[in-house]
Amino acid sequence: MNKVGGFLQRMDLCRKYAFGKMLVIGSTPPFKVKGYGSSVDIPEFVMDEVYDMELSDEAQKERVNAMIEDQEPFEGEELLDAKCFKRAA
């Protein structure tokens, strides 16, 4: 989770424009990190560092909802921890 936290801290530049969630899953090392992000009206200088994912089909929407809700198991594996990156008010 330290690596996930460090990544989200470095992405603080995007906080005004983005929302995301990252999960650490698995029951034994090496653990897996899964995540998603969404954003609107991101300036070009931010896009140089981050990309946006479109939710174009129902399977992606269901996967994102499972991540937001911390559903366990996630993709058949134990959910160990989760961090949320949300827009600053």
PDB file of N, CA and C in Angstrom:
ATOM      1  N   MET A   1       0.825  -1.185   0.000  1.00  0.00           N
ATOM      2  CA  MET A   1       0.000   0.000   0.000  1.00  0.00           C
ATOM      3  C   MET A   1       0.870   1.250   0.000  1.00  0.00           C
ATOM      4  N   ASN A   2       2.104   1.142   0.512  1.00  0.00           N
ATOM      5  CA  ASN A   2       2.998   2.311   0.482  1.00  0.00           C
ATOM      6  C   ASN A   2       3.262   2.766  -0.949  1.00  0.00           C
ATOM      7  N   LYS A   3       3.461   1.825  -1.867  1.00  0.00           N
ATOM      8  CA  LYS A   3       3.693   2.194  -3.265  1.00  0.00           C
ATOM      9  C   LYS A   3       2.459   2.848  -3.871  1.00  0.00           C
ATOM     10  N   VAL A   4       1.286   2.333  -3.558  1.00  0.00           N
ATOM     11  CA  VAL A   4       0.043   2.925  -4.061  1.00  0.00           C
ATOM     12  C   VAL A   4      -0.119   4.328  -3.494  1.00  0.00           C
ATOM     13  N   GLY A   5       0.113   4.492  -2.192  1.00  0.00           N
ATOM     14  CA  GLY A   5       0.009   5.813  -1.559  1.00  0.00           C
ATOM     15  C   GLY A   5       0.989   6.806  -2.151  1.00  0.00           C
ATOM     16  N   GLY A   6       2.209   6.369  -2.408  1.00  0.00           N
ATOM     17  CA  GLY A   6       3.208   7.245  -3.020  1.00  0.00           C
ATOM     18  C   GLY A   6       2.824   7.660  -4.417  1.00  0.00           C
ATOM     19  N   PHE A   7       2.278   6.719  -5.193  1.00  0.00           N
ATOM     20  CA  PHE A   7       1.822   7.041  -6.543  1.00  0.00           C
ATOM     21  C   PHE A   7       0.716   8.097  -6.493  1.00  0.00           C
ATOM     22  N   LEU A   8      -0.264   7.903  -5.622  1.00  0.00           N
ATOM     23  CA  LEU A   8      -1.366   8.863  -5.523  1.00  0.00           C
ATOM     24  C   LEU A   8      -0.886  10.217  -5.026  1.00  0.00           C
ATOM     25  N   GLN A   9       0.095  10.231  -4.158  1.00  0.00           N
ATOM     26  CA  GLN A   9       0.651  11.502  -3.682  1.00  0.00           C
ATOM     27  C   GLN A   9       1.334  12.251  -4.828  1.00  0.00           C
ATOM     28  N   ARG A  10       2.059  11.535  -5.661  1.00  0.00           N
ATOM     29  CA  ARG A  10       2.711  12.174  -6.812  1.00  0.00           C
ATOM     30  C   ARG A  10       1.692  12.690  -7.824  1.00  0.00           C
ATOM     31  N   MET A  11       0.506  12.118  -7.858  1.00  0.00           N
ATOM     32  CA  MET A  11      -0.526  12.526  -8.791  1.00  0.00           C
ATOM     33  C   MET A  11      -1.374  13.670  -8.226  1.00  0.00           C
ATOM     34  N   ASP A  12      -0.943  14.287  -7.148  1.00  0.00           N
ATOM     35  CA  ASP A  12      -1.714  15.357  -6.511  1.00  0.00           C
ATOM     36  C   ASP A  12      -2.028  16.498  -7.487  1.00  0.00           C
ATOM     37  N   LEU A  13      -1.191  16.703  -8.491  1.00  0.00           N
ATOM     38  CA  LEU A  13      -1.431  17.714  -9.516  1.00  0.00           C
ATOM     39  C   LEU A  13      -2.802  17.515 -10.172  1.00  0.00           C
ATOM     40  N   CYS A  14      -3.253  16.285 -10.234  1.00  0.00           N
ATOM     41  CA  CYS A  14      -4.522  15.956 -10.907  1.00  0.00           C
ATOM     42  C   CYS A  14      -5.731  16.072  -9.990  1.00  0.00           C
ATOM     43  N   ARG A  15      -5.535  16.269  -8.721  1.00  0.00           N
ATOM     44  CA  ARG A  15      -6.638  16.208  -7.762  1.00  0.00           C
ATOM     45  C   ARG A  15      -7.809  17.117  -8.134  1.00  0.00           C
ATOM     46  N   LYS A  16      -7.527  18.245  -8.740  1.00  0.00           N
ATOM     47  CA  LYS A  16      -8.582  19.186  -9.130  1.00  0.00           C
ATOM     48  C   LYS A  16      -9.438  18.646 -10.274  1.00  0.00           C
ATOM     49  N   TYR A  17      -8.913  17.689 -11.030  1.00  0.00           N
ATOM     50  CA  TYR A  17      -9.553  17.244 -12.258  1.00  0.00           C
ATOM     51  C   TYR A  17      -9.978  15.774 -12.275  1.00  0.00           C
ATOM     52  N   ALA A  18      -9.576  14.975 -11.294  1.00  0.00           N
ATOM     53  CA  ALA A  18      -9.715  13.528 -11.441  1.00  0.00           C
ATOM     54  C   ALA A  18     -10.269  12.842 -10.203  1.00  0.00           C
ATOM     55  N   PHE A  19     -10.714  11.620 -10.428  1.00  0.00           N
ATOM     56  CA  PHE A  19     -11.162  10.707  -9.382  1.00  0.00           C
ATOM     57  C   PHE A  19     -10.621   9.334  -9.736  1.00  0.00           C
ATOM     58  N   GLY A  20     -10.214   8.562  -8.757  1.00  0.00           N
ATOM     59  CA  GLY A  20      -9.722   7.222  -9.043  1.00  0.00           C
ATOM     60  C   GLY A  20      -9.732   6.348  -7.817  1.00  0.00           C
ATOM     61  N   LYS A  21      -9.510   5.061  -8.027  1.00  0.00           N
ATOM     62  CA  LYS A  21      -9.460   4.108  -6.933  1.00  0.00           C
ATOM     63  C   LYS A  21      -8.450   3.043  -7.291  1.00  0.00           C
ATOM     64  N   MET A  22      -7.680   2.606  -6.297  1.00  0.00           N
ATOM     65  CA  MET A  22      -6.699   1.551  -6.497  1.00  0.00           C
ATOM     66  C   MET A  22      -6.904   0.502  -5.419  1.00  0.00           C
ATOM     67  N   LEU A  23      -6.825  -0.776  -5.809  1.00  0.00           N
ATOM     68  CA  LEU A  23      -6.991  -1.901  -4.899  1.00  0.00           C
ATOM     69  C   LEU A  23      -5.733  -2.747  -4.893  1.00  0.00           C
ATOM     70  N   VAL A  24      -5.424  -3.315  -3.744  1.00  0.00           N
ATOM     71  CA  VAL A  24      -4.374  -4.330  -3.641  1.00  0.00           C
ATOM     72  C   VAL A  24      -5.107  -5.631  -3.382  1.00  0.00           C
ATOM     73  N   ILE A  25      -4.915  -6.619  -4.269  1.00  0.00           N
ATOM     74  CA  ILE A  25      -5.642  -7.872  -4.146  1.00  0.00           C
ATOM     75  C   ILE A  25      -4.691  -9.057  -4.184  1.00  0.00           C
ATOM     76  N   GLY A  26      -5.185 -10.187  -3.695  1.00  0.00           N
ATOM     77  CA  GLY A  26      -4.430 -11.434  -3.680  1.00  0.00           C
ATOM     78  C   GLY A  26      -4.311 -11.962  -2.274  1.00  0.00           C
ATOM     79  N   SER A  27      -4.017 -13.255  -2.148  1.00  0.00           N
ATOM     80  CA  SER A  27      -3.883 -13.855  -0.820  1.00  0.00           C
ATOM     81  C   SER A  27      -2.438 -14.163  -0.468  1.00  0.00           C
ATOM     82  N   THR A  28      -1.567 -14.208  -1.480  1.00  0.00           N
ATOM     83  CA  THR A  28      -0.150 -14.441  -1.231  1.00  0.00           C
ATOM     84  C   THR A  28       0.673 -13.550  -2.154  1.00  0.00           C
ATOM     85  N   PRO A  29       1.876 -13.147  -1.702  1.00  0.00           N
ATOM     86  CA  PRO A  29       2.739 -12.328  -2.560  1.00  0.00           C
ATOM     87  C   PRO A  29       3.141 -13.097  -3.811  1.00  0.00           C
ATOM     88  N   PRO A  30       3.381 -12.444  -4.905  1.00  0.00           N
ATOM     89  CA  PRO A  30       3.294 -11.008  -5.129  1.00  0.00           C
ATOM     90  C   PRO A  30       1.837 -10.583  -5.299  1.00  0.00           C
ATOM     91  N   PHE A  31       1.437  -9.529  -4.599  1.00  0.00           N
ATOM     92  CA  PHE A  31       0.076  -9.026  -4.662  1.00  0.00           C
ATOM     93  C   PHE A  31      -0.124  -8.226  -5.946  1.00  0.00           C
ATOM     94  N   LYS A  32      -1.369  -8.086  -6.372  1.00  0.00           N
ATOM     95  CA  LYS A  32      -1.684  -7.352  -7.592  1.00  0.00           C
ATOM     96  C   LYS A  32      -2.282  -6.000  -7.234  1.00  0.00           C
ATOM     97  N   VAL A  33      -2.002  -5.000  -8.051  1.00  0.00           N
ATOM     98  CA  VAL A  33      -2.598  -3.677  -7.892  1.00  0.00           C
ATOM     99  C   VAL A  33      -3.493  -3.445  -9.101  1.00  0.00           C
ATOM    100  N   LYS A  34      -4.761  -3.147  -8.838  1.00  0.00           N
ATOM    101  CA  LYS A  34      -5.727  -2.847  -9.900  1.00  0.00           C
ATOM    102  C   LYS A  34      -6.261  -1.449  -9.642  1.00  0.00           C
ATOM    103  N   GLY A  35      -6.565  -0.720 -10.688  1.00  0.00           N
ATOM    104  CA  GLY A  35      -7.080   0.623 -10.484  1.00  0.00           C
ATOM    105  C   GLY A  35      -7.798   1.166 -11.693  1.00  0.00           C
ATOM    106  N   TYR A  36      -8.439   2.295 -11.486  1.00  0.00           N
ATOM    107  CA  TYR A  36      -9.100   3.005 -12.570  1.00  0.00           C
ATOM    108  C   TYR A  36      -9.095   4.481 -12.232  1.00  0.00           C
ATOM    109  N   GLY A  37      -9.368   5.288 -13.221  1.00  0.00           N
ATOM    110  CA  GLY A  37      -9.462   6.723 -13.006  1.00  0.00           C
ATOM    111  C   GLY A  37     -10.427   7.345 -13.996  1.00  0.00           C
ATOM    112  N   SER A  38     -10.988   8.451 -13.598  1.00  0.00           N
ATOM    113  CA  SER A  38     -11.851   9.196 -14.512  1.00  0.00           C
ATOM    114  C   SER A  38     -11.597  10.673 -14.292  1.00  0.00           C
ATOM    115  N   SER A  39     -11.897  11.455 -15.305  1.00  0.00           N
ATOM    116  CA  SER A  39     -11.613  12.880 -15.199  1.00  0.00           C
ATOM    117  C   SER A  39     -12.403  13.648 -16.244  1.00  0.00           C
ATOM    118  N   VAL A  40     -12.431  14.953 -16.057  1.00  0.00           N
ATOM    119  CA  VAL A  40     -13.076  15.853 -17.019  1.00  0.00           C
ATOM    120  C   VAL A  40     -12.227  17.095 -17.172  1.00  0.00           C
ATOM    121  N   ASP A  41     -12.156  17.629 -18.383  1.00  0.00           N
ATOM    122  CA  ASP A  41     -11.476  18.892 -18.668  1.00  0.00           C
ATOM    123  C   ASP A  41     -10.073  18.977 -18.072  1.00  0.00           C
ATOM    124  N   ILE A  42      -9.271  17.971 -18.347  1.00  0.00           N
ATOM    125  CA  ILE A  42      -7.900  17.960 -17.832  1.00  0.00           C
ATOM    126  C   ILE A  42      -7.020  18.792 -18.754  1.00  0.00           C
ATOM    127  N   PRO A  43      -6.261  19.738 -18.192  1.00  0.00           N
ATOM    128  CA  PRO A  43      -5.343  20.524 -19.017  1.00  0.00           C
ATOM    129  C   PRO A  43      -4.258  19.643 -19.646  1.00  0.00           C
ATOM    130  N   GLU A  44      -3.714  20.071 -20.764  1.00  0.00           N
ATOM    131  CA  GLU A  44      -2.721  19.280 -21.491  1.00  0.00           C
ATOM    132  C   GLU A  44      -1.496  18.951 -20.630  1.00  0.00           C
ATOM    133  N   PHE A  45      -1.053  19.885 -19.786  1.00  0.00           N
ATOM    134  CA  PHE A  45       0.138  19.605 -18.976  1.00  0.00           C
ATOM    135  C   PHE A  45      -0.103  18.473 -17.981  1.00  0.00           C
ATOM    136  N   VAL A  46      -1.351  18.281 -17.563  1.00  0.00           N
ATOM    137  CA  VAL A  46      -1.684  17.166 -16.686  1.00  0.00           C
ATOM    138  C   VAL A  46      -1.780  15.877 -17.503  1.00  0.00           C
ATOM    139  N   MET A  47      -2.354  15.965 -18.702  1.00  0.00           N
ATOM    140  CA  MET A  47      -2.492  14.784 -19.553  1.00  0.00           C
ATOM    141  C   MET A  47      -1.152  14.194 -19.942  1.00  0.00           C
ATOM    142  N   ASP A  48      -0.089  14.984 -19.890  1.00  0.00           N
ATOM    143  CA  ASP A  48       1.242  14.452 -20.158  1.00  0.00           C
ATOM    144  C   ASP A  48       1.638  13.414 -19.110  1.00  0.00           C
ATOM    145  N   GLU A  49       1.034  13.486 -17.934  1.00  0.00           N
ATOM    146  CA  GLU A  49       1.373  12.589 -16.828  1.00  0.00           C
ATOM    147  C   GLU A  49       0.326  11.509 -16.592  1.00  0.00           C
ATOM    148  N   VAL A  50      -0.913  11.739 -16.992  1.00  0.00           N
ATOM    149  CA  VAL A  50      -2.031  10.861 -16.641  1.00  0.00           C
ATOM    150  C   VAL A  50      -2.890  10.608 -17.876  1.00  0.00           C
ATOM    151  N   TYR A  51      -3.560   9.493 -17.931  1.00  0.00           N
ATOM    152  CA  TYR A  51      -4.501   9.229 -19.021  1.00  0.00           C
ATOM    153  C   TYR A  51      -5.894   8.977 -18.449  1.00  0.00           C
ATOM    154  N   ASP A  52      -6.901   9.085 -19.297  1.00  0.00           N
ATOM    155  CA  ASP A  52      -8.288   8.897 -18.910  1.00  0.00           C
ATOM    156  C   ASP A  52      -8.819   7.620 -19.537  1.00  0.00           C
ATOM    157  N   MET A  53      -9.646   6.895 -18.814  1.00  0.00           N
ATOM    158  CA  MET A  53     -10.219   5.661 -19.330  1.00  0.00           C
ATOM    159  C   MET A  53     -11.710   5.864 -19.575  1.00  0.00           C
ATOM    160  N   GLU A  54     -12.159   5.546 -20.762  1.00  0.00           N
ATOM    161  CA  GLU A  54     -13.577   5.617 -21.083  1.00  0.00           C
ATOM    162  C   GLU A  54     -14.277   4.358 -20.585  1.00  0.00           C
ATOM    163  N   LEU A  55     -15.469   4.516 -20.056  1.00  0.00           N
ATOM    164  CA  LEU A  55     -16.293   3.370 -19.683  1.00  0.00           C
ATOM    165  C   LEU A  55     -17.253   3.110 -20.834  1.00  0.00           C
ATOM    166  N   SER A  56     -16.771   2.362 -21.810  1.00  0.00           N
ATOM    167  CA  SER A  56     -17.518   2.223 -23.058  1.00  0.00           C
ATOM    168  C   SER A  56     -18.427   1.009 -23.086  1.00  0.00           C
ATOM    169  N   ASP A  57     -18.238   0.061 -22.208  1.00  0.00           N
ATOM    170  CA  ASP A  57     -19.119  -1.102 -22.247  1.00  0.00           C
ATOM    171  C   ASP A  57     -19.580  -1.489 -20.842  1.00  0.00           C
ATOM    172  N   GLU A  58     -20.580  -2.323 -20.791  1.00  0.00           N
ATOM    173  CA  GLU A  58     -21.207  -2.699 -19.520  1.00  0.00           C
ATOM    174  C   GLU A  58     -20.244  -3.450 -18.606  1.00  0.00           C
ATOM    175  N   ALA A  59     -19.370  -4.282 -19.156  1.00  0.00           N
ATOM    176  CA  ALA A  59     -18.407  -5.030 -18.333  1.00  0.00           C
ATOM    177  C   ALA A  59     -17.474  -4.081 -17.586  1.00  0.00           C
ATOM    178  N   GLN A  60     -16.994  -3.018 -18.260  1.00  0.00           N
ATOM    179  CA  GLN A  60     -16.132  -2.047 -17.589  1.00  0.00           C
ATOM    180  C   GLN A  60     -16.895  -1.317 -16.495  1.00  0.00           C
ATOM    181  N   LYS A  61     -18.144  -0.949 -16.758  1.00  0.00           N
ATOM    182  CA  LYS A  61     -18.951  -0.258 -15.754  1.00  0.00           C
ATOM    183  C   LYS A  61     -19.145  -1.129 -14.517  1.00  0.00           C
ATOM    184  N   GLU A  62     -19.417  -2.416 -14.709  1.00  0.00           N
ATOM    185  CA  GLU A  62     -19.584  -3.331 -13.581  1.00  0.00           C
ATOM    186  C   GLU A  62     -18.288  -3.482 -12.798  1.00  0.00           C
ATOM    187  N   ARG A  63     -17.161  -3.552 -13.494  1.00  0.00           N
ATOM    188  CA  ARG A  63     -15.853  -3.674 -12.820  1.00  0.00           C
ATOM    189  C   ARG A  63     -15.568  -2.436 -11.973  1.00  0.00           C
ATOM    190  N   VAL A  64     -15.829  -1.245 -12.524  1.00  0.00           N
ATOM    191  CA  VAL A  64     -15.607  -0.004 -11.778  1.00  0.00           C
ATOM    192  C   VAL A  64     -16.528   0.063 -10.562  1.00  0.00           C
ATOM    193  N   ASN A  65     -17.789  -0.320 -10.718  1.00  0.00           N
ATOM    194  CA  ASN A  65     -18.700  -0.333  -9.570  1.00  0.00           C
ATOM    195  C   ASN A  65     -18.210  -1.279  -8.487  1.00  0.00           C
ATOM    196  N   ALA A  66     -17.681  -2.440  -8.855  1.00  0.00           N
ATOM    197  CA  ALA A  66     -17.136  -3.379  -7.878  1.00  0.00           C
ATOM    198  C   ALA A  66     -15.951  -2.762  -7.144  1.00  0.00           C
ATOM    199  N   MET A  67     -15.124  -1.977  -7.853  1.00  0.00           N
ATOM    200  CA  MET A  67     -13.979  -1.321  -7.218  1.00  0.00           C
ATOM    201  C   MET A  67     -14.441  -0.235  -6.252  1.00  0.00           C
ATOM    202  N   ILE A  68     -15.405   0.571  -6.662  1.00  0.00           N
ATOM    203  CA  ILE A  68     -15.896   1.649  -5.809  1.00  0.00           C
ATOM    204  C   ILE A  68     -16.486   1.081  -4.524  1.00  0.00           C
ATOM    205  N   GLU A  69     -17.209  -0.018  -4.636  1.00  0.00           N
ATOM    206  CA  GLU A  69     -17.893  -0.608  -3.492  1.00  0.00           C
ATOM    207  C   GLU A  69     -17.001  -1.538  -2.677  1.00  0.00           C
ATOM    208  N   ASP A  70     -15.737  -1.698  -3.053  1.00  0.00           N
ATOM    209  CA  ASP A  70     -14.814  -2.615  -2.374  1.00  0.00           C
ATOM    210  C   ASP A  70     -15.392  -4.024  -2.270  1.00  0.00           C
ATOM    211  N   GLN A  71     -16.004  -4.498  -3.346  1.00  0.00           N
ATOM    212  CA  GLN A  71     -16.592  -5.835  -3.345  1.00  0.00           C
ATOM    213  C   GLN A  71     -15.502  -6.880  -3.189  1.00  0.00           C
ATOM    214  N   GLU A  72     -15.807  -7.865  -2.360  1.00  0.00           N
ATOM    215  CA  GLU A  72     -14.855  -8.942  -2.156  1.00  0.00           C
ATOM    216  C   GLU A  72     -15.562 -10.270  -2.357  1.00  0.00           C
ATOM    217  N   PRO A  73     -14.995 -11.227  -3.044  1.00  0.00           N
ATOM    218  CA  PRO A  73     -13.690 -11.113  -3.701  1.00  0.00           C
ATOM    219  C   PRO A  73     -13.763 -10.222  -4.935  1.00  0.00           C
ATOM    220  N   PHE A  74     -12.633  -9.635  -5.299  1.00  0.00           N
ATOM    221  CA  PHE A  74     -12.544  -8.814  -6.508  1.00  0.00           C
ATOM    222  C   PHE A  74     -11.844  -9.634  -7.571  1.00  0.00           C
ATOM    223  N   GLU A  75     -12.539  -9.865  -8.671  1.00  0.00           N
ATOM    224  CA  GLU A  75     -12.034 -10.700  -9.760  1.00  0.00           C
ATOM    225  C   GLU A  75     -11.504 -12.032  -9.232  1.00  0.00           C
ATOM    226  N   GLY A  76     -12.225 -12.594  -8.245  1.00  0.00           N
ATOM    227  CA  GLY A  76     -11.903 -13.904  -7.702  1.00  0.00           C
ATOM    228  C   GLY A  76     -10.788 -13.934  -6.673  1.00  0.00           C
ATOM    229  N   GLU A  77     -10.292 -12.756  -6.249  1.00  0.00           N
ATOM    230  CA  GLU A  77      -9.190 -12.728  -5.285  1.00  0.00           C
ATOM    231  C   GLU A  77      -9.541 -11.880  -4.067  1.00  0.00           C
ATOM    232  N   GLU A  78      -8.858 -12.179  -2.970  1.00  0.00           N
ATOM    233  CA  GLU A  78      -9.062 -11.465  -1.712  1.00  0.00           C
ATOM    234  C   GLU A  78      -8.672  -9.994  -1.859  1.00  0.00           C
ATOM    235  N   LEU A  79      -9.505  -9.103  -1.320  1.00  0.00           N
ATOM    236  CA  LEU A  79      -9.206  -7.674  -1.302  1.00  0.00           C
ATOM    237  C   LEU A  79      -8.428  -7.366  -0.033  1.00  0.00           C
ATOM    238  N   LEU A  80      -7.197  -6.886  -0.172  1.00  0.00           N
ATOM    239  CA  LEU A  80      -6.357  -6.598   0.978  1.00  0.00           C
ATOM    240  C   LEU A  80      -6.511  -5.169   1.468  1.00  0.00           C
ATOM    241  N   ASP A  81      -6.590  -4.214   0.550  1.00  0.00           N
ATOM    242  CA  ASP A  81      -6.673  -2.803   0.924  1.00  0.00           C
ATOM    243  C   ASP A  81      -7.106  -1.992  -0.283  1.00  0.00           C
ATOM    244  N   ALA A  82      -7.545  -0.758  -0.027  1.00  0.00           N
ATOM    245  CA  ALA A  82      -7.989   0.114  -1.119  1.00  0.00           C
ATOM    246  C   ALA A  82      -7.721   1.560  -0.746  1.00  0.00           C
ATOM    247  N   LYS A  83      -7.406   2.372  -1.748  1.00  0.00           N
ATOM    248  CA  LYS A  83      -7.216   3.808  -1.566  1.00  0.00           C
ATOM    249  C   LYS A  83      -8.016   4.530  -2.636  1.00  0.00           C
ATOM    250  N   CYS A  84      -8.576   5.664  -2.234  1.00  0.00           N
ATOM    251  CA  CYS A  84      -9.385   6.473  -3.135  1.00  0.00           C
ATOM    252  C   CYS A  84      -8.680   7.803  -3.382  1.00  0.00           C
ATOM    253  N   PHE A  85      -8.687   8.230  -4.630  1.00  0.00           N
ATOM    254  CA  PHE A  85      -8.133   9.531  -5.030  1.00  0.00           C
ATOM    255  C   PHE A  85      -9.308  10.354  -5.483  1.00  0.00           C
ATOM    256  N   LYS A  86      -9.659  11.392  -4.720  1.00  0.00           N
ATOM    257  CA  LYS A  86     -10.863  12.139  -5.063  1.00  0.00           C
ATOM    258  C   LYS A  86     -10.543  13.599  -5.331  1.00  0.00           C
ATOM    259  N   ARG A  87     -11.471  14.223  -6.004  1.00  0.00           N
ATOM    260  CA  ARG A  87     -11.313  15.626  -6.346  1.00  0.00           C
ATOM    261  C   ARG A  87     -11.297  16.495  -5.100  1.00  0.00           C
ATOM    262  N   ALA A  88     -10.460  17.490  -5.119  1.00  0.00           N
ATOM    263  CA  ALA A  88     -10.445  18.455  -4.039  1.00  0.00           C
ATOM    264  C   ALA A  88     -11.640  19.392  -4.232  1.00  0.00           C
ATOM    265  N   ALA A  89     -12.214  19.794  -3.141  1.00  0.00           N
ATOM    266  CA  ALA A  89     -13.404  20.662  -3.224  1.00  0.00           C
ATOM    267  C   ALA A  89     -13.025  22.083  -3.537  1.00  0.00           C
TER     268      ALA A  89
END
